[in-house]
Amino acid sequence: MTVRLEGTIKRWVGLSSDVKPALGLQADGSTITSADLPAGSSFMESDTGRIYRWDGASWTVSLPVDEQLYVLEAILSELKEFRQMVELAVSD
C-alpha cells in the first residue's frame, strides 16, 4: 500500500482572551474554510496552558490545567511508592 497524506492539522497559540479561529467570516475580514481549520487542529492558550482541539465543529479543551496537575501528582505519588518498594527489596 502506498502511504498518502490524509490531511494536516494546524496549531495556533494565543491568549485566553483571544478569539479562537472559527469557520466563516472573521472580524479582520478574512474567511476561514474547513481546509484552513481541519479537525484535530489545536489552540494553546499561552497564559493558561490549556490546549483546545477542533473537532470539525467546535473547540473543546483536552483536560483543564488543574486536572492535568492532579493526574501528574497522582503519577508522581505512585512512582515514589514504587521507588520505596524497590529500595526495600534491594536492601533485603
PDB file of N, CA and C in Angstrom:
ATOM      1  N   MET A   1       0.843  -1.182   0.000  1.00  0.00           N
ATOM      2  CA  MET A   1       0.000   0.000   0.000  1.00  0.00           C
ATOM      3  C   MET A   1       0.885   1.241   0.000  1.00  0.00           C
ATOM      4  N   THR A   2       0.503   2.193  -0.759  1.00  0.00           N
ATOM      5  CA  THR A   2       1.226   3.451  -0.808  1.00  0.00           C
ATOM      6  C   THR A   2       0.721   4.369   0.294  1.00  0.00           C
ATOM      7  N   VAL A   3       1.649   4.975   0.999  1.00  0.00           N
ATOM      8  CA  VAL A   3       1.282   5.914   2.053  1.00  0.00           C
ATOM      9  C   VAL A   3       0.863   7.226   1.414  1.00  0.00           C
ATOM     10  N   ARG A   4      -0.221   7.784   1.945  1.00  0.00           N
ATOM     11  CA  ARG A   4      -0.673   9.077   1.430  1.00  0.00           C
ATOM     12  C   ARG A   4      -1.119   9.957   2.588  1.00  0.00           C
ATOM     13  N   LEU A   5      -0.983  11.217   2.398  1.00  0.00           N
ATOM     14  CA  LEU A   5      -1.356  12.175   3.423  1.00  0.00           C
ATOM     15  C   LEU A   5      -2.868  12.394   3.380  1.00  0.00           C
ATOM     16  N   GLU A   6      -3.532  12.151   4.502  1.00  0.00           N
ATOM     17  CA  GLU A   6      -4.983  12.342   4.587  1.00  0.00           C
ATOM     18  C   GLU A   6      -5.337  13.801   4.860  1.00  0.00           C
ATOM     19  N   GLY A   7      -4.508  14.458   5.606  1.00  0.00           N
ATOM     20  CA  GLY A   7      -4.792  15.839   5.943  1.00  0.00           C
ATOM     21  C   GLY A   7      -3.720  16.366   6.873  1.00  0.00           C
ATOM     22  N   THR A   8      -3.754  17.627   7.128  1.00  0.00           N
ATOM     23  CA  THR A   8      -2.795  18.219   8.042  1.00  0.00           C
ATOM     24  C   THR A   8      -3.539  19.045   9.070  1.00  0.00           C
ATOM     25  N   ILE A   9      -3.048  18.989  10.282  1.00  0.00           N
ATOM     26  CA  ILE A   9      -3.647  19.815  11.327  1.00  0.00           C
ATOM     27  C   ILE A   9      -2.882  21.122  11.417  1.00  0.00           C
ATOM     28  N   LYS A  10      -3.495  22.077  12.041  1.00  0.00           N
ATOM     29  CA  LYS A  10      -2.862  23.370  12.239  1.00  0.00           C
ATOM     30  C   LYS A  10      -2.821  23.645  13.735  1.00  0.00           C
ATOM     31  N   ARG A  11      -1.819  24.407  14.141  1.00  0.00           N
ATOM     32  CA  ARG A  11      -1.656  24.735  15.562  1.00  0.00           C
ATOM     33  C   ARG A  11      -1.618  26.249  15.715  1.00  0.00           C
ATOM     34  N   TRP A  12      -2.436  26.743  16.617  1.00  0.00           N
ATOM     35  CA  TRP A  12      -2.457  28.161  16.928  1.00  0.00           C
ATOM     36  C   TRP A  12      -2.041  28.353  18.374  1.00  0.00           C
ATOM     37  N   VAL A  13      -1.466  29.511  18.673  1.00  0.00           N
ATOM     38  CA  VAL A  13      -1.116  29.906  20.030  1.00  0.00           C
ATOM     39  C   VAL A  13      -1.617  31.319  20.226  1.00  0.00           C
ATOM     40  N   GLY A  14      -2.265  31.559  21.356  1.00  0.00           N
ATOM     41  CA  GLY A  14      -2.757  32.890  21.662  1.00  0.00           C
ATOM     42  C   GLY A  14      -3.110  32.992  23.126  1.00  0.00           C
ATOM     43  N   LEU A  15      -3.620  34.113  23.522  1.00  0.00           N
ATOM     44  CA  LEU A  15      -4.056  34.319  24.902  1.00  0.00           C
ATOM     45  C   LEU A  15      -5.461  33.764  25.098  1.00  0.00           C
ATOM     46  N   SER A  16      -5.817  33.517  26.349  1.00  0.00           N
ATOM     47  CA  SER A  16      -7.158  33.004  26.630  1.00  0.00           C
ATOM     48  C   SER A  16      -8.226  34.029  26.249  1.00  0.00           C
ATOM     49  N   SER A  17      -7.863  35.296  26.206  1.00  0.00           N
ATOM     50  CA  SER A  17      -8.815  36.345  25.829  1.00  0.00           C
ATOM     51  C   SER A  17      -8.957  36.497  24.311  1.00  0.00           C
ATOM     52  N   ASP A  18      -8.075  35.848  23.553  1.00  0.00           N
ATOM     53  CA  ASP A  18      -8.157  35.916  22.094  1.00  0.00           C
ATOM     54  C   ASP A  18      -9.318  35.072  21.578  1.00  0.00           C
ATOM     55  N   VAL A  19      -9.889  35.494  20.461  1.00  0.00           N
ATOM     56  CA  VAL A  19     -10.944  34.725  19.816  1.00  0.00           C
ATOM     57  C   VAL A  19     -10.294  33.594  19.023  1.00  0.00           C
ATOM     58  N   LYS A  20     -10.731  32.370  19.282  1.00  0.00           N
ATOM     59  CA  LYS A  20     -10.179  31.220  18.569  1.00  0.00           C
ATOM     60  C   LYS A  20     -10.692  31.216  17.128  1.00  0.00           C
ATOM     61  N   PRO A  21      -9.886  30.724  16.190  1.00  0.00           N
ATOM     62  CA  PRO A  21     -10.332  30.661  14.793  1.00  0.00           C
ATOM     63  C   PRO A  21     -11.624  29.852  14.669  1.00  0.00           C
ATOM     64  N   ALA A  22     -12.477  30.255  13.775  1.00  0.00           N
ATOM     65  CA  ALA A  22     -13.734  29.547  13.541  1.00  0.00           C
ATOM     66  C   ALA A  22     -14.063  29.607  12.051  1.00  0.00           C
ATOM     67  N   LEU A  23     -14.896  28.706  11.620  1.00  0.00           N
ATOM     68  CA  LEU A  23     -15.295  28.686  10.212  1.00  0.00           C
ATOM     69  C   LEU A  23     -16.110  29.926   9.882  1.00  0.00           C
ATOM     70  N   GLY A  24     -15.883  30.461   8.706  1.00  0.00           N
ATOM     71  CA  GLY A  24     -16.663  31.606   8.245  1.00  0.00           C
ATOM     72  C   GLY A  24     -15.888  32.902   8.270  1.00  0.00           C
ATOM     73  N   LEU A  25     -16.629  33.993   8.171  1.00  0.00           N
ATOM     74  CA  LEU A  25     -16.060  35.328   8.102  1.00  0.00           C
ATOM     75  C   LEU A  25     -15.506  35.731   9.463  1.00  0.00           C
ATOM     76  N   GLN A  26     -14.287  36.252   9.475  1.00  0.00           N
ATOM     77  CA  GLN A  26     -13.637  36.672  10.708  1.00  0.00           C
ATOM     78  C   GLN A  26     -13.746  38.179  10.879  1.00  0.00           C
ATOM     79  N   ALA A  27     -13.430  38.653  12.082  1.00  0.00           N
ATOM     80  CA  ALA A  27     -13.512  40.084  12.392  1.00  0.00           C
ATOM     81  C   ALA A  27     -12.570  40.906  11.523  1.00  0.00           C
ATOM     82  N   ASP A  28     -11.456  40.313  11.102  1.00  0.00           N
ATOM     83  CA  ASP A  28     -10.496  41.061  10.279  1.00  0.00           C
ATOM     84  C   ASP A  28     -10.855  41.057   8.793  1.00  0.00           C
ATOM     85  N   GLY A  29     -11.988  40.450   8.442  1.00  0.00           N
ATOM     86  CA  GLY A  29     -12.437  40.427   7.057  1.00  0.00           C
ATOM     87  C   GLY A  29     -12.030  39.187   6.289  1.00  0.00           C
ATOM     88  N   SER A  30     -11.160  38.359   6.864  1.00  0.00           N
ATOM     89  CA  SER A  30     -10.753  37.115   6.198  1.00  0.00           C
ATOM     90  C   SER A  30     -11.820  36.036   6.401  1.00  0.00           C
ATOM     91  N   THR A  31     -11.747  35.008   5.584  1.00  0.00           N
ATOM     92  CA  THR A  31     -12.678  33.889   5.701  1.00  0.00           C
ATOM     93  C   THR A  31     -11.890  32.618   5.978  1.00  0.00           C
ATOM     94  N   ILE A  32     -12.335  31.859   6.973  1.00  0.00           N
ATOM     95  CA  ILE A  32     -11.702  30.582   7.301  1.00  0.00           C
ATOM     96  C   ILE A  32     -12.604  29.463   6.798  1.00  0.00           C
ATOM     97  N   THR A  33     -12.018  28.576   5.994  1.00  0.00           N
ATOM     98  CA  THR A  33     -12.758  27.429   5.465  1.00  0.00           C
ATOM     99  C   THR A  33     -12.353  26.172   6.228  1.00  0.00           C
ATOM    100  N   SER A  34     -13.034  25.063   5.947  1.00  0.00           N
ATOM    101  CA  SER A  34     -12.695  23.804   6.615  1.00  0.00           C
ATOM    102  C   SER A  34     -11.293  23.343   6.245  1.00  0.00           C
ATOM    103  N   ALA A  35     -10.788  23.747   5.091  1.00  0.00           N
ATOM    104  CA  ALA A  35      -9.403  23.417   4.708  1.00  0.00           C
ATOM    105  C   ALA A  35      -8.404  24.197   5.566  1.00  0.00           C
ATOM    106  N   ASP A  36      -8.805  25.394   6.016  1.00  0.00           N
ATOM    107  CA  ASP A  36      -7.951  26.214   6.875  1.00  0.00           C
ATOM    108  C   ASP A  36      -7.993  25.751   8.329  1.00  0.00           C
ATOM    109  N   LEU A  37      -9.048  25.031   8.698  1.00  0.00           N
ATOM    110  CA  LEU A  37      -9.262  24.617  10.076  1.00  0.00           C
ATOM    111  C   LEU A  37      -9.689  23.146  10.122  1.00  0.00           C
ATOM    112  N   PRO A  38      -8.768  22.231   9.778  1.00  0.00           N
ATOM    113  CA  PRO A  38      -9.122  20.812   9.754  1.00  0.00           C
ATOM    114  C   PRO A  38      -9.312  20.247  11.168  1.00  0.00           C
ATOM    115  N   ALA A  39     -10.173  19.238  11.272  1.00  0.00           N
ATOM    116  CA  ALA A  39     -10.398  18.565  12.559  1.00  0.00           C
ATOM    117  C   ALA A  39      -9.068  18.043  13.083  1.00  0.00           C
ATOM    118  N   GLY A  40      -8.857  18.180  14.397  1.00  0.00           N
ATOM    119  CA  GLY A  40      -7.607  17.762  15.014  1.00  0.00           C
ATOM    120  C   GLY A  40      -6.661  18.920  15.255  1.00  0.00           C
ATOM    121  N   SER A  41      -6.981  20.081  14.696  1.00  0.00           N
ATOM    122  CA  SER A  41      -6.144  21.257  14.914  1.00  0.00           C
ATOM    123  C   SER A  41      -6.219  21.668  16.378  1.00  0.00           C
ATOM    124  N   SER A  42      -5.229  22.436  16.832  1.00  0.00           N
ATOM    125  CA  SER A  42      -5.184  22.806  18.244  1.00  0.00           C
ATOM    126  C   SER A  42      -4.972  24.304  18.426  1.00  0.00           C
ATOM    127  N   PHE A  43      -5.387  24.779  19.594  1.00  0.00           N
ATOM    128  CA  PHE A  43      -5.169  26.162  20.012  1.00  0.00           C
ATOM    129  C   PHE A  43      -4.685  26.119  21.447  1.00  0.00           C
ATOM    130  N   MET A  44      -3.456  26.598  21.686  1.00  0.00           N
ATOM    131  CA  MET A  44      -2.925  26.629  23.041  1.00  0.00           C
ATOM    132  C   MET A  44      -2.992  28.046  23.579  1.00  0.00           C
ATOM    133  N   GLU A  45      -3.584  28.175  24.767  1.00  0.00           N
ATOM    134  CA  GLU A  45      -3.619  29.470  25.438  1.00  0.00           C
ATOM    135  C   GLU A  45      -2.292  29.635  26.175  1.00  0.00           C
ATOM    136  N   SER A  46      -1.477  30.561  25.717  1.00  0.00           N
ATOM    137  CA  SER A  46      -0.136  30.713  26.282  1.00  0.00           C
ATOM    138  C   SER A  46      -0.156  31.202  27.727  1.00  0.00           C
ATOM    139  N   ASP A  47      -1.228  31.861  28.148  1.00  0.00           N
ATOM    140  CA  ASP A  47      -1.279  32.362  29.522  1.00  0.00           C
ATOM    141  C   ASP A  47      -1.857  31.350  30.510  1.00  0.00           C
ATOM    142  N   THR A  48      -2.589  30.343  30.028  1.00  0.00           N
ATOM    143  CA  THR A  48      -3.171  29.351  30.942  1.00  0.00           C
ATOM    144  C   THR A  48      -2.603  27.951  30.742  1.00  0.00           C
ATOM    145  N   GLY A  49      -2.035  27.692  29.566  1.00  0.00           N
ATOM    146  CA  GLY A  49      -1.526  26.360  29.267  1.00  0.00           C
ATOM    147  C   GLY A  49      -2.589  25.403  28.758  1.00  0.00           C
ATOM    148  N   ARG A  50      -3.852  25.851  28.689  1.00  0.00           N
ATOM    149  CA  ARG A  50      -4.923  24.987  28.188  1.00  0.00           C
ATOM    150  C   ARG A  50      -4.746  24.742  26.695  1.00  0.00           C
ATOM    151  N   ILE A  51      -5.032  23.503  26.286  1.00  0.00           N
ATOM    152  CA  ILE A  51      -4.972  23.167  24.869  1.00  0.00           C
ATOM    153  C   ILE A  51      -6.368  22.758  24.415  1.00  0.00           C
ATOM    154  N   TYR A  52      -6.861  23.443  23.398  1.00  0.00           N
ATOM    155  CA  TYR A  52      -8.169  23.149  22.823  1.00  0.00           C
ATOM    156  C   TYR A  52      -7.975  22.406  21.511  1.00  0.00           C
ATOM    157  N   ARG A  53      -8.878  21.478  21.207  1.00  0.00           N
ATOM    158  CA  ARG A  53      -8.847  20.726  19.950  1.00  0.00           C
ATOM    159  C   ARG A  53     -10.112  21.050  19.156  1.00  0.00           C
ATOM    160  N   TRP A  54      -9.924  21.218  17.864  1.00  0.00           N
ATOM    161  CA  TRP A  54     -11.038  21.475  16.956  1.00  0.00           C
ATOM    162  C   TRP A  54     -11.551  20.126  16.462  1.00  0.00           C
ATOM    163  N   ASP A  55     -12.827  19.829  16.682  1.00  0.00           N
ATOM    164  CA  ASP A  55     -13.390  18.542  16.260  1.00  0.00           C
ATOM    165  C   ASP A  55     -14.114  18.620  14.918  1.00  0.00           C
ATOM    166  N   GLY A  56     -13.992  19.752  14.257  1.00  0.00           N
ATOM    167  CA  GLY A  56     -14.664  19.960  12.985  1.00  0.00           C
ATOM    168  C   GLY A  56     -15.872  20.858  13.117  1.00  0.00           C
ATOM    169  N   ALA A  57     -16.324  21.053  14.363  1.00  0.00           N
ATOM    170  CA  ALA A  57     -17.483  21.907  14.593  1.00  0.00           C
ATOM    171  C   ALA A  57     -17.269  22.894  15.738  1.00  0.00           C
ATOM    172  N   SER A  58     -16.462  22.516  16.727  1.00  0.00           N
ATOM    173  CA  SER A  58     -16.247  23.390  17.884  1.00  0.00           C
ATOM    174  C   SER A  58     -14.920  23.081  18.560  1.00  0.00           C
ATOM    175  N   TRP A  59     -14.480  24.006  19.414  1.00  0.00           N
ATOM    176  CA  TRP A  59     -13.264  23.823  20.191  1.00  0.00           C
ATOM    177  C   TRP A  59     -13.621  23.179  21.526  1.00  0.00           C
ATOM    178  N   THR A  60     -12.874  22.163  21.914  1.00  0.00           N
ATOM    179  CA  THR A  60     -13.062  21.536  23.223  1.00  0.00           C
ATOM    180  C   THR A  60     -11.710  21.451  23.916  1.00  0.00           C
ATOM    181  N   VAL A  61     -11.714  21.684  25.218  1.00  0.00           N
ATOM    182  CA  VAL A  61     -10.474  21.651  25.985  1.00  0.00           C
ATOM    183  C   VAL A  61     -10.122  20.197  26.286  1.00  0.00           C
ATOM    184  N   SER A  62      -8.839  19.862  26.170  1.00  0.00           N
ATOM    185  CA  SER A  62      -8.397  18.489  26.421  1.00  0.00           C
ATOM    186  C   SER A  62      -8.649  18.111  27.871  1.00  0.00           C
ATOM    187  N   LEU A  63      -7.893  18.642  28.757  1.00  0.00           N
ATOM    188  CA  LEU A  63      -8.079  18.483  30.202  1.00  0.00           C
ATOM    189  C   LEU A  63      -7.802  19.834  30.831  1.00  0.00           C
ATOM    190  N   PRO A  64      -8.642  20.276  31.741  1.00  0.00           N
ATOM    191  CA  PRO A  64      -8.322  21.531  32.416  1.00  0.00           C
ATOM    192  C   PRO A  64      -6.965  21.427  33.104  1.00  0.00           C
ATOM    193  N   VAL A  65      -6.281  22.544  33.214  1.00  0.00           N
ATOM    194  CA  VAL A  65      -4.931  22.557  33.777  1.00  0.00           C
ATOM    195  C   VAL A  65      -4.908  21.948  35.173  1.00  0.00           C
ATOM    196  N   ASP A  66      -5.895  22.273  36.023  1.00  0.00           N
ATOM    197  CA  ASP A  66      -5.887  21.732  37.380  1.00  0.00           C
ATOM    198  C   ASP A  66      -6.069  20.217  37.372  1.00  0.00           C
ATOM    199  N   GLU A  67      -6.819  19.665  36.412  1.00  0.00           N
ATOM    200  CA  GLU A  67      -6.947  18.215  36.309  1.00  0.00           C
ATOM    201  C   GLU A  67      -5.652  17.585  35.826  1.00  0.00           C
ATOM    202  N   GLN A  68      -4.961  18.259  34.916  1.00  0.00           N
ATOM    203  CA  GLN A  68      -3.671  17.755  34.458  1.00  0.00           C
ATOM    204  C   GLN A  68      -2.701  17.683  35.628  1.00  0.00           C
ATOM    205  N   LEU A  69      -2.692  18.720  36.461  1.00  0.00           N
ATOM    206  CA  LEU A  69      -1.802  18.730  37.621  1.00  0.00           C
ATOM    207  C   LEU A  69      -2.179  17.622  38.597  1.00  0.00           C
ATOM    208  N   TYR A  70      -3.474  17.393  38.791  1.00  0.00           N
ATOM    209  CA  TYR A  70      -3.927  16.325  39.676  1.00  0.00           C
ATOM    210  C   TYR A  70      -3.434  14.965  39.180  1.00  0.00           C
ATOM    211  N   VAL A  71      -3.543  14.725  37.876  1.00  0.00           N
ATOM    212  CA  VAL A  71      -3.084  13.463  37.295  1.00  0.00           C
ATOM    213  C   VAL A  71      -1.577  13.321  37.470  1.00  0.00           C
ATOM    214  N   LEU A  72      -0.826  14.387  37.197  1.00  0.00           N
ATOM    215  CA  LEU A  72       0.628  14.332  37.359  1.00  0.00           C
ATOM    216  C   LEU A  72       1.031  14.083  38.810  1.00  0.00           C
ATOM    217  N   GLU A  73       0.345  14.723  39.748  1.00  0.00           N
ATOM    218  CA  GLU A  73       0.642  14.493  41.163  1.00  0.00           C
ATOM    219  C   GLU A  73       0.359  13.050  41.557  1.00  0.00           C
ATOM    220  N   ALA A  74      -0.709  12.475  41.051  1.00  0.00           N
ATOM    221  CA  ALA A  74      -1.037  11.081  41.351  1.00  0.00           C
ATOM    222  C   ALA A  74       0.028  10.140  40.799  1.00  0.00           C
ATOM    223  N   ILE A  75       0.496  10.422  39.583  1.00  0.00           N
ATOM    224  CA  ILE A  75       1.545   9.594  38.972  1.00  0.00           C
ATOM    225  C   ILE A  75       2.833   9.693  39.781  1.00  0.00           C
ATOM    226  N   LEU A  76       3.199  10.912  40.180  1.00  0.00           N
ATOM    227  CA  LEU A  76       4.411  11.089  40.986  1.00  0.00           C
ATOM    228  C   LEU A  76       4.308  10.359  42.315  1.00  0.00           C
ATOM    229  N   SER A  77       3.156  10.392  42.926  1.00  0.00           N
ATOM    230  CA  SER A  77       2.948   9.682  44.187  1.00  0.00           C
ATOM    231  C   SER A  77       3.136   8.173  44.002  1.00  0.00           C
ATOM    232  N   GLU A  78       2.574   7.635  42.925  1.00  0.00           N
ATOM    233  CA  GLU A  78       2.731   6.206  42.635  1.00  0.00           C
ATOM    234  C   GLU A  78       4.195   5.857  42.384  1.00  0.00           C
ATOM    235  N   LEU A  79       4.906   6.707  41.676  1.00  0.00           N
ATOM    236  CA  LEU A  79       6.325   6.464  41.404  1.00  0.00           C
ATOM    237  C   LEU A  79       7.146   6.481  42.690  1.00  0.00           C
ATOM    238  N   LYS A  80       6.825   7.388  43.599  1.00  0.00           N
ATOM    239  CA  LYS A  80       7.540   7.443  44.881  1.00  0.00           C
ATOM    240  C   LYS A  80       7.331   6.149  45.663  1.00  0.00           C
ATOM    241  N   GLU A  81       6.086   5.677  45.702  1.00  0.00           N
ATOM    242  CA  GLU A  81       5.790   4.427  46.407  1.00  0.00           C
ATOM    243  C   GLU A  81       6.518   3.250  45.754  1.00  0.00           C
ATOM    244  N   PHE A  82       6.528   3.213  44.447  1.00  0.00           N
ATOM    245  CA  PHE A  82       7.216   2.144  43.721  1.00  0.00           C
ATOM    246  C   PHE A  82       8.714   2.179  44.019  1.00  0.00           C
ATOM    247  N   ARG A  83       9.287   3.370  44.016  1.00  0.00           N
ATOM    248  CA  ARG A  83      10.717   3.501  44.308  1.00  0.00           C
ATOM    249  C   ARG A  83      11.032   2.994  45.711  1.00  0.00           C
ATOM    250  N   GLN A  84      10.185   3.335  46.668  1.00  0.00           N
ATOM    251  CA  GLN A  84      10.395   2.859  48.039  1.00  0.00           C
ATOM    252  C   GLN A  84      10.338   1.334  48.117  1.00  0.00           C
ATOM    253  N   MET A  85       9.418   0.724  47.389  1.00  0.00           N
ATOM    254  CA  MET A  85       9.318  -0.752  47.383  1.00  0.00           C
ATOM    255  C   MET A  85      10.560  -1.359  46.762  1.00  0.00           C
ATOM    256  N   VAL A  86      11.064  -0.775  45.691  1.00  0.00           N
ATOM    257  CA  VAL A  86      12.274  -1.293  45.036  1.00  0.00           C
ATOM    258  C   VAL A  86      13.464  -1.159  45.974  1.00  0.00           C
ATOM    259  N   GLU A  87      13.585  -0.014  46.636  1.00  0.00           N
ATOM    260  CA  GLU A  87      14.698   0.190  47.564  1.00  0.00           C
ATOM    261  C   GLU A  87      14.644  -0.807  48.715  1.00  0.00           C
ATOM    262  N   LEU A  88      13.455  -1.091  49.216  1.00  0.00           N
ATOM    263  CA  LEU A  88      13.318  -2.082  50.287  1.00  0.00           C
ATOM    264  C   LEU A  88      13.690  -3.484  49.804  1.00  0.00           C
ATOM    265  N   ALA A  89      13.272  -3.813  48.606  1.00  0.00           N
ATOM    266  CA  ALA A  89      13.580  -5.135  48.041  1.00  0.00           C
ATOM    267  C   ALA A  89      15.074  -5.306  47.806  1.00  0.00           C
ATOM    268  N   VAL A  90      15.727  -4.249  47.355  1.00  0.00           N
ATOM    269  CA  VAL A  90      17.167  -4.315  47.081  1.00  0.00           C
ATOM    270  C   VAL A  90      17.967  -4.397  48.379  1.00  0.00           C
ATOM    271  N   SER A  91      17.504  -3.716  49.424  1.00  0.00           N
ATOM    272  CA  SER A  91      18.247  -3.700  50.682  1.00  0.00           C
ATOM    273  C   SER A  91      18.118  -5.001  51.470  1.00  0.00           C
ATOM    274  N   ASP A  92      17.154  -5.843  51.147  1.00  0.00           N
ATOM    275  CA  ASP A  92      16.972  -7.120  51.874  1.00  0.00           C
ATOM    276  C   ASP A  92      17.943  -8.159  51.439  1.00  0.00           C
TER     277      ASP A  92
END
